[in-house]
Amino acid sequence: MKYALLAYSRGEAPEGGRSREMHPGIAAVLKRPEVTGYMRLEETDSATTVRFEGRKMLTDGPFVDSKEYLGGLIMVEAENLDDVLAIAVELQELDLSAAIEVRPVFEQELGGA
């Protein structure tokens, strides 16, 4: 089964923005065969949000009412949830400022590609 690990970060990015270099322990986890892909997101100030509140609205930034922001997405293929949770715990222990949300992926063929 496929799972998405949504990596959230708390607080502000370090002075000068997030480092392009990845923690070596996290990089090692991401190289495992059960990790089928990952993406790191740019900082939230580079985002544009589309909403509908009676009319279409475009705003700079996410401006969500949250103390955490989505920093990346990690795809994992595993036999069971326990295996995926072990990976999530390991990643969280490598970055204590992170929260990792684990969600099964609704598998269907992508259209239009």
PDB file of N, CA and C in Angstrom:
ATOM      1  N   MET A   1       0.843  -1.178   0.000  1.00  0.00           N
ATOM      2  CA  MET A   1       0.000   0.000   0.000  1.00  0.00           C
ATOM      3  C   MET A   1       0.884   1.237   0.000  1.00  0.00           C
ATOM      4  N   LYS A   2       0.387   2.291  -0.611  1.00  0.00           N
ATOM      5  CA  LYS A   2       1.137   3.543  -0.667  1.00  0.00           C
ATOM      6  C   LYS A   2       0.643   4.500   0.407  1.00  0.00           C
ATOM      7  N   TYR A   3       1.603   5.221   0.975  1.00  0.00           N
ATOM      8  CA  TYR A   3       1.306   6.204   2.019  1.00  0.00           C
ATOM      9  C   TYR A   3       2.017   7.515   1.686  1.00  0.00           C
ATOM     10  N   ALA A   4       1.403   8.607   2.095  1.00  0.00           N
ATOM     11  CA  ALA A   4       2.030   9.919   1.998  1.00  0.00           C
ATOM     12  C   ALA A   4       2.403  10.360   3.406  1.00  0.00           C
ATOM     13  N   LEU A   5       3.642  10.758   3.586  1.00  0.00           N
ATOM     14  CA  LEU A   5       4.093  11.345   4.843  1.00  0.00           C
ATOM     15  C   LEU A   5       4.191  12.842   4.599  1.00  0.00           C
ATOM     16  N   LEU A   6       3.345  13.604   5.259  1.00  0.00           N
ATOM     17  CA  LEU A   6       3.335  15.054   5.111  1.00  0.00           C
ATOM     18  C   LEU A   6       4.169  15.638   6.245  1.00  0.00           C
ATOM     19  N   ALA A   7       5.263  16.278   5.888  1.00  0.00           N
ATOM     20  CA  ALA A   7       6.195  16.802   6.884  1.00  0.00           C
ATOM     21  C   ALA A   7       5.888  18.267   7.158  1.00  0.00           C
ATOM     22  N   TYR A   8       5.494  18.547   8.392  1.00  0.00           N
ATOM     23  CA  TYR A   8       5.181  19.911   8.810  1.00  0.00           C
ATOM     24  C   TYR A   8       6.300  20.451   9.677  1.00  0.00           C
ATOM     25  N   SER A   9       6.514  21.748   9.586  1.00  0.00           N
ATOM     26  CA  SER A   9       7.523  22.404  10.397  1.00  0.00           C
ATOM     27  C   SER A   9       6.850  23.474  11.234  1.00  0.00           C
ATOM     28  N   ARG A  10       7.383  23.695  12.418  1.00  0.00           N
ATOM     29  CA  ARG A  10       6.859  24.734  13.305  1.00  0.00           C
ATOM     30  C   ARG A  10       7.717  25.973  13.203  1.00  0.00           C
ATOM     31  N   GLY A  11       7.090  27.096  13.384  1.00  0.00           N
ATOM     32  CA  GLY A  11       7.835  28.341  13.491  1.00  0.00           C
ATOM     33  C   GLY A  11       8.375  28.848  12.178  1.00  0.00           C
ATOM     34  N   GLU A  12       9.277  29.765  12.305  1.00  0.00           N
ATOM     35  CA  GLU A  12       9.847  30.451  11.154  1.00  0.00           C
ATOM     36  C   GLU A  12      11.073  29.718  10.630  1.00  0.00           C
ATOM     37  N   ALA A  13      11.369  29.949   9.378  1.00  0.00           N
ATOM     38  CA  ALA A  13      12.592  29.402   8.785  1.00  0.00           C
ATOM     39  C   ALA A  13      13.792  30.105   9.399  1.00  0.00           C
ATOM     40  N   PRO A  14      14.946  29.450   9.426  1.00  0.00           N
ATOM     41  CA  PRO A  14      16.139  30.104   9.954  1.00  0.00           C
ATOM     42  C   PRO A  14      16.492  31.351   9.150  1.00  0.00           C
ATOM     43  N   GLU A  15      17.262  32.230   9.768  1.00  0.00           N
ATOM     44  CA  GLU A  15      17.709  33.454   9.101  1.00  0.00           C
ATOM     45  C   GLU A  15      18.343  33.100   7.764  1.00  0.00           C
ATOM     46  N   GLY A  16      17.901  33.779   6.711  1.00  0.00           N
ATOM     47  CA  GLY A  16      18.442  33.514   5.389  1.00  0.00           C
ATOM     48  C   GLY A  16      17.725  32.387   4.657  1.00  0.00           C
ATOM     49  N   GLY A  17      16.632  31.852   5.228  1.00  0.00           N
ATOM     50  CA  GLY A  17      15.863  30.804   4.560  1.00  0.00           C
ATOM     51  C   GLY A  17      16.339  29.414   4.930  1.00  0.00           C
ATOM     52  N   ARG A  18      15.597  28.442   4.477  1.00  0.00           N
ATOM     53  CA  ARG A  18      15.908  27.049   4.764  1.00  0.00           C
ATOM     54  C   ARG A  18      17.145  26.634   3.988  1.00  0.00           C
ATOM     55  N   SER A  19      17.960  25.844   4.624  1.00  0.00           N
ATOM     56  CA  SER A  19      19.173  25.345   3.992  1.00  0.00           C
ATOM     57  C   SER A  19      18.816  24.393   2.868  1.00  0.00           C
ATOM     58  N   ARG A  20      19.558  24.458   1.779  1.00  0.00           N
ATOM     59  CA  ARG A  20      19.367  23.513   0.677  1.00  0.00           C
ATOM     60  C   ARG A  20      19.929  22.146   1.051  1.00  0.00           C
ATOM     61  N   GLU A  21      20.841  22.137   2.029  1.00  0.00           N
ATOM     62  CA  GLU A  21      21.422  20.876   2.463  1.00  0.00           C
ATOM     63  C   GLU A  21      20.474  20.177   3.412  1.00  0.00           C
ATOM     64  N   MET A  22      20.372  18.874   3.245  1.00  0.00           N
ATOM     65  CA  MET A  22      19.479  18.071   4.058  1.00  0.00           C
ATOM     66  C   MET A  22      20.281  17.399   5.166  1.00  0.00           C
ATOM     67  N   HIS A  23      19.651  17.236   6.320  1.00  0.00           N
ATOM     68  CA  HIS A  23      20.262  16.507   7.428  1.00  0.00           C
ATOM     69  C   HIS A  23      20.693  15.133   6.910  1.00  0.00           C
ATOM     70  N   PRO A  24      21.936  14.694   7.167  1.00  0.00           N
ATOM     71  CA  PRO A  24      22.413  13.411   6.636  1.00  0.00           C
ATOM     72  C   PRO A  24      21.544  12.216   7.035  1.00  0.00           C
ATOM     73  N   GLY A  25      21.007  12.211   8.240  1.00  0.00           N
ATOM     74  CA  GLY A  25      20.147  11.117   8.673  1.00  0.00           C
ATOM     75  C   GLY A  25      18.857  11.061   7.885  1.00  0.00           C
ATOM     76  N   ILE A  26      18.291  12.235   7.604  1.00  0.00           N
ATOM     77  CA  ILE A  26      17.059  12.292   6.808  1.00  0.00           C
ATOM     78  C   ILE A  26      17.351  11.843   5.381  1.00  0.00           C
ATOM     79  N   ALA A  27      18.466  12.301   4.827  1.00  0.00           N
ATOM     80  CA  ALA A  27      18.850  11.889   3.468  1.00  0.00           C
ATOM     81  C   ALA A  27      18.999  10.372   3.380  1.00  0.00           C
ATOM     82  N   ALA A  28      19.549   9.746   4.414  1.00  0.00           N
ATOM     83  CA  ALA A  28      19.716   8.285   4.419  1.00  0.00           C
ATOM     84  C   ALA A  28      18.359   7.579   4.427  1.00  0.00           C
ATOM     85  N   VAL A  29      17.409   8.086   5.204  1.00  0.00           N
ATOM     86  CA  VAL A  29      16.069   7.489   5.238  1.00  0.00           C
ATOM     87  C   VAL A  29      15.414   7.610   3.860  1.00  0.00           C
ATOM     88  N   LEU A  30      15.571   8.759   3.213  1.00  0.00           N
ATOM     89  CA  LEU A  30      14.925   8.993   1.926  1.00  0.00           C
ATOM     90  C   LEU A  30      15.519   8.145   0.798  1.00  0.00           C
ATOM     91  N   LYS A  31      16.698   7.573   1.004  1.00  0.00           N
ATOM     92  CA  LYS A  31      17.329   6.710  -0.006  1.00  0.00           C
ATOM     93  C   LYS A  31      16.882   5.256   0.091  1.00  0.00           C
ATOM     94  N   ARG A  32      16.095   4.921   1.098  1.00  0.00           N
ATOM     95  CA  ARG A  32      15.645   3.535   1.267  1.00  0.00           C
ATOM     96  C   ARG A  32      14.704   3.129   0.131  1.00  0.00           C
ATOM     97  N   PRO A  33      14.693   1.843  -0.212  1.00  0.00           N
ATOM     98  CA  PRO A  33      13.859   1.396  -1.346  1.00  0.00           C
ATOM     99  C   PRO A  33      12.361   1.584  -1.149  1.00  0.00           C
ATOM    100  N   GLU A  34      11.880   1.563   0.094  1.00  0.00           N
ATOM    101  CA  GLU A  34      10.444   1.746   0.317  1.00  0.00           C
ATOM    102  C   GLU A  34       9.999   3.195   0.152  1.00  0.00           C
ATOM    103  N   VAL A  35      10.962   4.124   0.153  1.00  0.00           N
ATOM    104  CA  VAL A  35      10.647   5.528  -0.101  1.00  0.00           C
ATOM    105  C   VAL A  35      10.699   5.726  -1.617  1.00  0.00           C
ATOM    106  N   THR A  36       9.535   5.945  -2.211  1.00  0.00           N
ATOM    107  CA  THR A  36       9.442   5.981  -3.667  1.00  0.00           C
ATOM    108  C   THR A  36       9.578   7.384  -4.254  1.00  0.00           C
ATOM    109  N   GLY A  37       9.612   8.392  -3.412  1.00  0.00           N
ATOM    110  CA  GLY A  37       9.801   9.757  -3.887  1.00  0.00           C
ATOM    111  C   GLY A  37       9.575  10.747  -2.769  1.00  0.00           C
ATOM    112  N   TYR A  38      10.099  11.936  -2.954  1.00  0.00           N
ATOM    113  CA  TYR A  38       9.873  13.004  -1.981  1.00  0.00           C
ATOM    114  C   TYR A  38      10.048  14.352  -2.661  1.00  0.00           C
ATOM    115  N   MET A  39       9.430  15.357  -2.081  1.00  0.00           N
ATOM    116  CA  MET A  39       9.560  16.732  -2.558  1.00  0.00           C
ATOM    117  C   MET A  39       9.642  17.660  -1.364  1.00  0.00           C
ATOM    118  N   ARG A  40      10.586  18.572  -1.414  1.00  0.00           N
ATOM    119  CA  ARG A  40      10.651  19.639  -0.413  1.00  0.00           C
ATOM    120  C   ARG A  40      10.004  20.872  -1.019  1.00  0.00           C
ATOM    121  N   LEU A  41       9.216  21.552  -0.226  1.00  0.00           N
ATOM    122  CA  LEU A  41       8.531  22.746  -0.706  1.00  0.00           C
ATOM    123  C   LEU A  41       9.322  24.002  -0.359  1.00  0.00           C
ATOM    124  N   GLU A  42       9.195  25.005  -1.206  1.00  0.00           N
ATOM    125  CA  GLU A  42       9.790  26.304  -0.913  1.00  0.00           C
ATOM    126  C   GLU A  42       9.071  26.916   0.285  1.00  0.00           C
ATOM    127  N   GLU A  43       9.617  27.965   0.814  1.00  0.00           N
ATOM    128  CA  GLU A  43       9.038  28.627   1.987  1.00  0.00           C
ATOM    129  C   GLU A  43       7.634  29.152   1.692  1.00  0.00           C
ATOM    130  N   THR A  44       6.844  29.320   2.741  1.00  0.00           N
ATOM    131  CA  THR A  44       5.449  29.730   2.582  1.00  0.00           C
ATOM    132  C   THR A  44       5.295  31.115   1.959  1.00  0.00           C
ATOM    133  N   ASP A  45       6.294  31.975   2.090  1.00  0.00           N
ATOM    134  CA  ASP A  45       6.150  33.306   1.508  1.00  0.00           C
ATOM    135  C   ASP A  45       6.211  33.278  -0.019  1.00  0.00           C
ATOM    136  N   SER A  46       6.538  32.129  -0.611  1.00  0.00           N
ATOM    137  CA  SER A  46       6.543  32.007  -2.070  1.00  0.00           C
ATOM    138  C   SER A  46       5.208  31.473  -2.598  1.00  0.00           C
ATOM    139  N   ALA A  47       4.266  31.178  -1.710  1.00  0.00           N
ATOM    140  CA  ALA A  47       2.998  30.561  -2.097  1.00  0.00           C
ATOM    141  C   ALA A  47       1.981  31.584  -2.579  1.00  0.00           C
ATOM    142  N   THR A  48       1.055  31.114  -3.385  1.00  0.00           N
ATOM    143  CA  THR A  48      -0.143  31.855  -3.761  1.00  0.00           C
ATOM    144  C   THR A  48      -1.317  30.943  -3.465  1.00  0.00           C
ATOM    145  N   THR A  49      -2.330  31.467  -2.835  1.00  0.00           N
ATOM    146  CA  THR A  49      -3.494  30.669  -2.447  1.00  0.00           C
ATOM    147  C   THR A  49      -4.707  31.080  -3.266  1.00  0.00           C
ATOM    148  N   VAL A  50      -5.440  30.088  -3.743  1.00  0.00           N
ATOM    149  CA  VAL A  50      -6.693  30.306  -4.470  1.00  0.00           C
ATOM    150  C   VAL A  50      -7.827  29.868  -3.561  1.00  0.00           C
ATOM    151  N   ARG A  51      -8.791  30.743  -3.334  1.00  0.00           N
ATOM    152  CA  ARG A  51      -9.936  30.438  -2.479  1.00  0.00           C
ATOM    153  C   ARG A  51     -11.210  30.905  -3.170  1.00  0.00           C
ATOM    154  N   PHE A  52     -12.320  30.364  -2.723  1.00  0.00           N
ATOM    155  CA  PHE A  52     -13.620  30.858  -3.147  1.00  0.00           C
ATOM    156  C   PHE A  52     -14.399  31.218  -1.898  1.00  0.00           C
ATOM    157  N   GLU A  53     -14.645  32.490  -1.721  1.00  0.00           N
ATOM    158  CA  GLU A  53     -15.431  32.995  -0.589  1.00  0.00           C
ATOM    159  C   GLU A  53     -16.470  33.959  -1.152  1.00  0.00           C
ATOM    160  N   GLY A  54     -17.415  33.368  -1.889  1.00  0.00           N
ATOM    161  CA  GLY A  54     -18.417  34.190  -2.559  1.00  0.00           C
ATOM    162  C   GLY A  54     -17.929  34.696  -3.903  1.00  0.00           C
ATOM    163  N   ARG A  55     -16.616  34.748  -4.061  1.00  0.00           N
ATOM    164  CA  ARG A  55     -15.976  35.116  -5.326  1.00  0.00           C
ATOM    165  C   ARG A  55     -14.574  34.521  -5.304  1.00  0.00           C
ATOM    166  N   LYS A  56     -13.973  34.402  -6.465  1.00  0.00           N
ATOM    167  CA  LYS A  56     -12.622  33.857  -6.525  1.00  0.00           C
ATOM    168  C   LYS A  56     -11.641  34.864  -5.955  1.00  0.00           C
ATOM    169  N   MET A  57     -10.721  34.367  -5.150  1.00  0.00           N
ATOM    170  CA  MET A  57      -9.730  35.247  -4.541  1.00  0.00           C
ATOM    171  C   MET A  57      -8.346  34.637  -4.707  1.00  0.00           C
ATOM    172  N   LEU A  58      -7.369  35.452  -5.069  1.00  0.00           N
ATOM    173  CA  LEU A  58      -5.964  35.062  -5.113  1.00  0.00           C
ATOM    174  C   LEU A  58      -5.221  35.902  -4.089  1.00  0.00           C
ATOM    175  N   THR A  59      -4.446  35.248  -3.228  1.00  0.00           N
ATOM    176  CA  THR A  59      -3.665  35.985  -2.245  1.00  0.00           C
ATOM    177  C   THR A  59      -2.241  35.466  -2.244  1.00  0.00           C
ATOM    178  N   ASP A  60      -1.296  36.324  -1.933  1.00  0.00           N
ATOM    179  CA  ASP A  60       0.086  35.899  -1.756  1.00  0.00           C
ATOM    180  C   ASP A  60       0.182  35.160  -0.440  1.00  0.00           C
ATOM    181  N   GLY A  61       0.940  34.084  -0.442  1.00  0.00           N
ATOM    182  CA  GLY A  61       1.150  33.328   0.789  1.00  0.00           C
ATOM    183  C   GLY A  61      -0.048  32.480   1.136  1.00  0.00           C
ATOM    184  N   PRO A  62       0.175  31.521   2.011  1.00  0.00           N
ATOM    185  CA  PRO A  62      -0.925  30.644   2.388  1.00  0.00           C
ATOM    186  C   PRO A  62      -1.877  31.290   3.375  1.00  0.00           C
ATOM    187  N   PHE A  63      -1.373  32.134   4.261  1.00  0.00           N
ATOM    188  CA  PHE A  63      -2.177  32.798   5.269  1.00  0.00           C
ATOM    189  C   PHE A  63      -3.175  31.862   5.930  1.00  0.00           C
ATOM    190  N   VAL A  64      -2.719  30.698   6.281  1.00  0.00           N
ATOM    191  CA  VAL A  64      -3.571  29.770   7.010  1.00  0.00           C
ATOM    192  C   VAL A  64      -3.429  30.049   8.491  1.00  0.00           C
ATOM    193  N   ASP A  65      -4.460  29.739   9.238  1.00  0.00           N
ATOM    194  CA  ASP A  65      -4.443  29.971  10.671  1.00  0.00           C
ATOM    195  C   ASP A  65      -3.789  28.776  11.351  1.00  0.00           C
ATOM    196  N   SER A  66      -2.460  28.717  11.262  1.00  0.00           N
ATOM    197  CA  SER A  66      -1.743  27.563  11.779  1.00  0.00           C
ATOM    198  C   SER A  66      -0.346  27.977  12.210  1.00  0.00           C
ATOM    199  N   LYS A  67       0.178  27.264  13.204  1.00  0.00           N
ATOM    200  CA  LYS A  67       1.541  27.515  13.649  1.00  0.00           C
ATOM    201  C   LYS A  67       2.524  26.599  12.944  1.00  0.00           C
ATOM    202  N   GLU A  68       2.012  25.687  12.122  1.00  0.00           N
ATOM    203  CA  GLU A  68       2.853  24.769  11.366  1.00  0.00           C
ATOM    204  C   GLU A  68       2.589  24.979   9.886  1.00  0.00           C
ATOM    205  N   TYR A  69       3.584  24.671   9.071  1.00  0.00           N
ATOM    206  CA  TYR A  69       3.395  24.767   7.629  1.00  0.00           C
ATOM    207  C   TYR A  69       3.948  23.508   6.975  1.00  0.00           C
ATOM    208  N   LEU A  70       3.331  23.131   5.859  1.00  0.00           N
ATOM    209  CA  LEU A  70       3.746  21.947   5.124  1.00  0.00           C
ATOM    210  C   LEU A  70       5.086  22.227   4.453  1.00  0.00           C
ATOM    211  N   GLY A  71       6.083  21.420   4.791  1.00  0.00           N
ATOM    212  CA  GLY A  71       7.419  21.625   4.244  1.00  0.00           C
ATOM    213  C   GLY A  71       7.808  20.618   3.192  1.00  0.00           C
ATOM    214  N   GLY A  72       7.085  19.495   3.136  1.00  0.00           N
ATOM    215  CA  GLY A  72       7.426  18.497   2.138  1.00  0.00           C
ATOM    216  C   GLY A  72       6.501  17.304   2.175  1.00  0.00           C
ATOM    217  N   LEU A  73       6.668  16.452   1.173  1.00  0.00           N
ATOM    218  CA  LEU A  73       5.852  15.270   0.986  1.00  0.00           C
ATOM    219  C   LEU A  73       6.775  14.098   0.681  1.00  0.00           C
ATOM    220  N   ILE A  74       6.580  12.998   1.383  1.00  0.00           N
ATOM    221  CA  ILE A  74       7.401  11.802   1.192  1.00  0.00           C
ATOM    222  C   ILE A  74       6.453  10.653   0.866  1.00  0.00           C
ATOM    223  N   MET A  75       6.710   9.954  -0.222  1.00  0.00           N
ATOM    224  CA  MET A  75       5.883   8.809  -0.611  1.00  0.00           C
ATOM    225  C   MET A  75       6.578   7.528  -0.186  1.00  0.00           C
ATOM    226  N   VAL A  76       5.810   6.636   0.460  1.00  0.00           N
ATOM    227  CA  VAL A  76       6.348   5.377   0.965  1.00  0.00           C
ATOM    228  C   VAL A  76       5.425   4.246   0.534  1.00  0.00           C
ATOM    229  N   GLU A  77       6.022   3.146   0.114  1.00  0.00           N
ATOM    230  CA  GLU A  77       5.247   1.947  -0.179  1.00  0.00           C
ATOM    231  C   GLU A  77       5.631   0.903   0.853  1.00  0.00           C
ATOM    232  N   ALA A  78       4.626   0.374   1.556  1.00  0.00           N
ATOM    233  CA  ALA A  78       4.895  -0.564   2.647  1.00  0.00           C
ATOM    234  C   ALA A  78       3.767  -1.578   2.766  1.00  0.00           C
ATOM    235  N   GLU A  79       4.078  -2.682   3.425  1.00  0.00           N
ATOM    236  CA  GLU A  79       3.103  -3.746   3.634  1.00  0.00           C
ATOM    237  C   GLU A  79       2.011  -3.338   4.618  1.00  0.00           C
ATOM    238  N   ASN A  80       2.393  -2.524   5.623  1.00  0.00           N
ATOM    239  CA  ASN A  80       1.407  -2.174   6.650  1.00  0.00           C
ATOM    240  C   ASN A  80       1.726  -0.826   7.273  1.00  0.00           C
ATOM    241  N   LEU A  81       0.770  -0.317   7.999  1.00  0.00           N
ATOM    242  CA  LEU A  81       0.888   0.995   8.627  1.00  0.00           C
ATOM    243  C   LEU A  81       2.026   1.044   9.641  1.00  0.00           C
ATOM    244  N   ASP A  82       2.245  -0.037  10.377  1.00  0.00           N
ATOM    245  CA  ASP A  82       3.308  -0.040  11.386  1.00  0.00           C
ATOM    246  C   ASP A  82       4.680   0.244  10.774  1.00  0.00           C
ATOM    247  N   ASP A  83       4.949  -0.314   9.589  1.00  0.00           N
ATOM    248  CA  ASP A  83       6.225  -0.067   8.915  1.00  0.00           C
ATOM    249  C   ASP A  83       6.383   1.409   8.549  1.00  0.00           C
ATOM    250  N   VAL A  84       5.289   2.004   8.108  1.00  0.00           N
ATOM    251  CA  VAL A  84       5.325   3.417   7.724  1.00  0.00           C
ATOM    252  C   VAL A  84       5.470   4.308   8.957  1.00  0.00           C
ATOM    253  N   LEU A  85       4.775   3.957  10.019  1.00  0.00           N
ATOM    254  CA  LEU A  85       4.885   4.737  11.255  1.00  0.00           C
ATOM    255  C   LEU A  85       6.302   4.703  11.809  1.00  0.00           C
ATOM    256  N   ALA A  86       6.999   3.585  11.662  1.00  0.00           N
ATOM    257  CA  ALA A  86       8.390   3.504  12.118  1.00  0.00           C
ATOM    258  C   ALA A  86       9.263   4.492  11.355  1.00  0.00           C
ATOM    259  N   ILE A  87       9.030   4.629  10.060  1.00  0.00           N
ATOM    260  CA  ILE A  87       9.781   5.606   9.260  1.00  0.00           C
ATOM    261  C   ILE A  87       9.428   7.020   9.706  1.00  0.00           C
ATOM    262  N   ALA A  88       8.156   7.292   9.923  1.00  0.00           N
ATOM    263  CA  ALA A  88       7.719   8.626  10.351  1.00  0.00           C
ATOM    264  C   ALA A  88       8.328   8.996  11.691  1.00  0.00           C
ATOM    265  N   VAL A  89       8.365   8.057  12.627  1.00  0.00           N
ATOM    266  CA  VAL A  89       8.959   8.308  13.942  1.00  0.00           C
ATOM    267  C   VAL A  89      10.447   8.610  13.787  1.00  0.00           C
ATOM    268  N   GLU A  90      11.122   7.843  12.962  1.00  0.00           N
ATOM    269  CA  GLU A  90      12.560   8.068  12.752  1.00  0.00           C
ATOM    270  C   GLU A  90      12.816   9.448  12.162  1.00  0.00           C
ATOM    271  N   LEU A  91      12.038   9.845  11.177  1.00  0.00           N
ATOM    272  CA  LEU A  91      12.200  11.183  10.588  1.00  0.00           C
ATOM    273  C   LEU A  91      11.919  12.272  11.609  1.00  0.00           C
ATOM    274  N   GLN A  92      10.876  12.095  12.408  1.00  0.00           N
ATOM    275  CA  GLN A  92      10.531  13.106  13.406  1.00  0.00           C
ATOM    276  C   GLN A  92      11.626  13.221  14.454  1.00  0.00           C
ATOM    277  N   GLU A  93      12.224  12.105  14.848  1.00  0.00           N
ATOM    278  CA  GLU A  93      13.302  12.151  15.839  1.00  0.00           C
ATOM    279  C   GLU A  93      14.544  12.851  15.290  1.00  0.00           C
ATOM    280  N   LEU A  94      14.738  12.819  13.970  1.00  0.00           N
ATOM    281  CA  LEU A  94      15.870  13.511  13.358  1.00  0.00           C
ATOM    282  C   LEU A  94      15.638  15.014  13.272  1.00  0.00           C
ATOM    283  N   ASP A  95      14.383  15.432  13.289  1.00  0.00           N
ATOM    284  CA  ASP A  95      14.034  16.856  13.256  1.00  0.00           C
ATOM    285  C   ASP A  95      12.890  17.078  14.236  1.00  0.00           C
ATOM    286  N   LEU A  96      13.224  17.376  15.474  1.00  0.00           N
ATOM    287  CA  LEU A  96      12.217  17.495  16.530  1.00  0.00           C
ATOM    288  C   LEU A  96      11.243  18.637  16.317  1.00  0.00           C
ATOM    289  N   SER A  97      11.567  19.562  15.394  1.00  0.00           N
ATOM    290  CA  SER A  97      10.635  20.658  15.119  1.00  0.00           C
ATOM    291  C   SER A  97       9.553  20.220  14.138  1.00  0.00           C
ATOM    292  N   ALA A  98       9.666  18.999  13.621  1.00  0.00           N
ATOM    293  CA  ALA A  98       8.729  18.537  12.604  1.00  0.00           C
ATOM    294  C   ALA A  98       7.590  17.725  13.208  1.00  0.00           C
ATOM    295  N   ALA A  99       6.486  17.734  12.504  1.00  0.00           N
ATOM    296  CA  ALA A  99       5.376  16.821  12.764  1.00  0.00           C
ATOM    297  C   ALA A  99       5.159  16.071  11.457  1.00  0.00           C
ATOM    298  N   ILE A 100       4.969  14.776  11.536  1.00  0.00           N
ATOM    299  CA  ILE A 100       4.790  13.966  10.342  1.00  0.00           C
ATOM    300  C   ILE A 100       3.378  13.390  10.355  1.00  0.00           C
ATOM    301  N   GLU A 101       2.585  13.769   9.378  1.00  0.00           N
ATOM    302  CA  GLU A 101       1.239  13.221   9.221  1.00  0.00           C
ATOM    303  C   GLU A 101       1.319  12.070   8.222  1.00  0.00           C
ATOM    304  N   VAL A 102       0.791  10.914   8.596  1.00  0.00           N
ATOM    305  CA  VAL A 102       0.818   9.727   7.740  1.00  0.00           C
ATOM    306  C   VAL A 102      -0.586   9.479   7.226  1.00  0.00           C
ATOM    307  N   ARG A 103      -0.708   9.401   5.892  1.00  0.00           N
ATOM    308  CA  ARG A 103      -2.026   9.164   5.302  1.00  0.00           C
ATOM    309  C   ARG A 103      -1.932   8.154   4.181  1.00  0.00           C
ATOM    310  N   PRO A 104      -2.839   7.167   4.169  1.00  0.00           N
ATOM    311  CA  PRO A 104      -2.889   6.248   3.034  1.00  0.00           C
ATOM    312  C   PRO A 104      -3.244   7.033   1.766  1.00  0.00           C
ATOM    313  N   VAL A 105      -2.715   6.589   0.647  1.00  0.00           N
ATOM    314  CA  VAL A 105      -2.972   7.240  -0.623  1.00  0.00           C
ATOM    315  C   VAL A 105      -4.115   6.523  -1.327  1.00  0.00           C
ATOM    316  N   PHE A 106      -5.094   7.271  -1.763  1.00  0.00           N
ATOM    317  CA  PHE A 106      -6.189   6.729  -2.558  1.00  0.00           C
ATOM    318  C   PHE A 106      -5.625   6.493  -3.947  1.00  0.00           C
ATOM    319  N   GLU A 107      -5.428   5.244  -4.275  1.00  0.00           N
ATOM    320  CA  GLU A 107      -4.759   4.924  -5.533  1.00  0.00           C
ATOM    321  C   GLU A 107      -5.740   4.873  -6.685  1.00  0.00           C
ATOM    322  N   GLN A 108      -5.464   5.692  -7.683  1.00  0.00           N
ATOM    323  CA  GLN A 108      -6.206   5.661  -8.926  1.00  0.00           C
ATOM    324  C   GLN A 108      -5.284   6.185 -10.013  1.00  0.00           C
ATOM    325  N   GLU A 109      -5.580   5.815 -11.221  1.00  0.00           N
ATOM    326  CA  GLU A 109      -4.756   6.245 -12.350  1.00  0.00           C
ATOM    327  C   GLU A 109      -4.893   7.744 -12.546  1.00  0.00           C
ATOM    328  N   LEU A 110      -3.766   8.393 -12.794  1.00  0.00           N
ATOM    329  CA  LEU A 110      -3.788   9.816 -13.049  1.00  0.00           C
ATOM    330  C   LEU A 110      -4.307  10.066 -14.463  1.00  0.00           C
ATOM    331  N   GLY A 111      -5.120  11.071 -14.606  1.00  0.00           N
ATOM    332  CA  GLY A 111      -5.638  11.411 -15.935  1.00  0.00           C
ATOM    333  C   GLY A 111      -4.876  12.555 -16.546  1.00  0.00           C
ATOM    334  N   GLY A 112      -4.885  12.624 -17.847  1.00  0.00           N
ATOM    335  CA  GLY A 112      -4.328  13.763 -18.551  1.00  0.00           C
ATOM    336  C   GLY A 112      -2.824  13.774 -18.720  1.00  0.00           C
ATOM    337  N   ALA A 113      -2.132  12.789 -18.198  1.00  0.00           N
ATOM    338  CA  ALA A 113      -0.674  12.811 -18.312  1.00  0.00           C
ATOM    339  C   ALA A 113      -0.185  11.945 -19.440  1.00  0.00           C
TER     340      ALA A 113
END
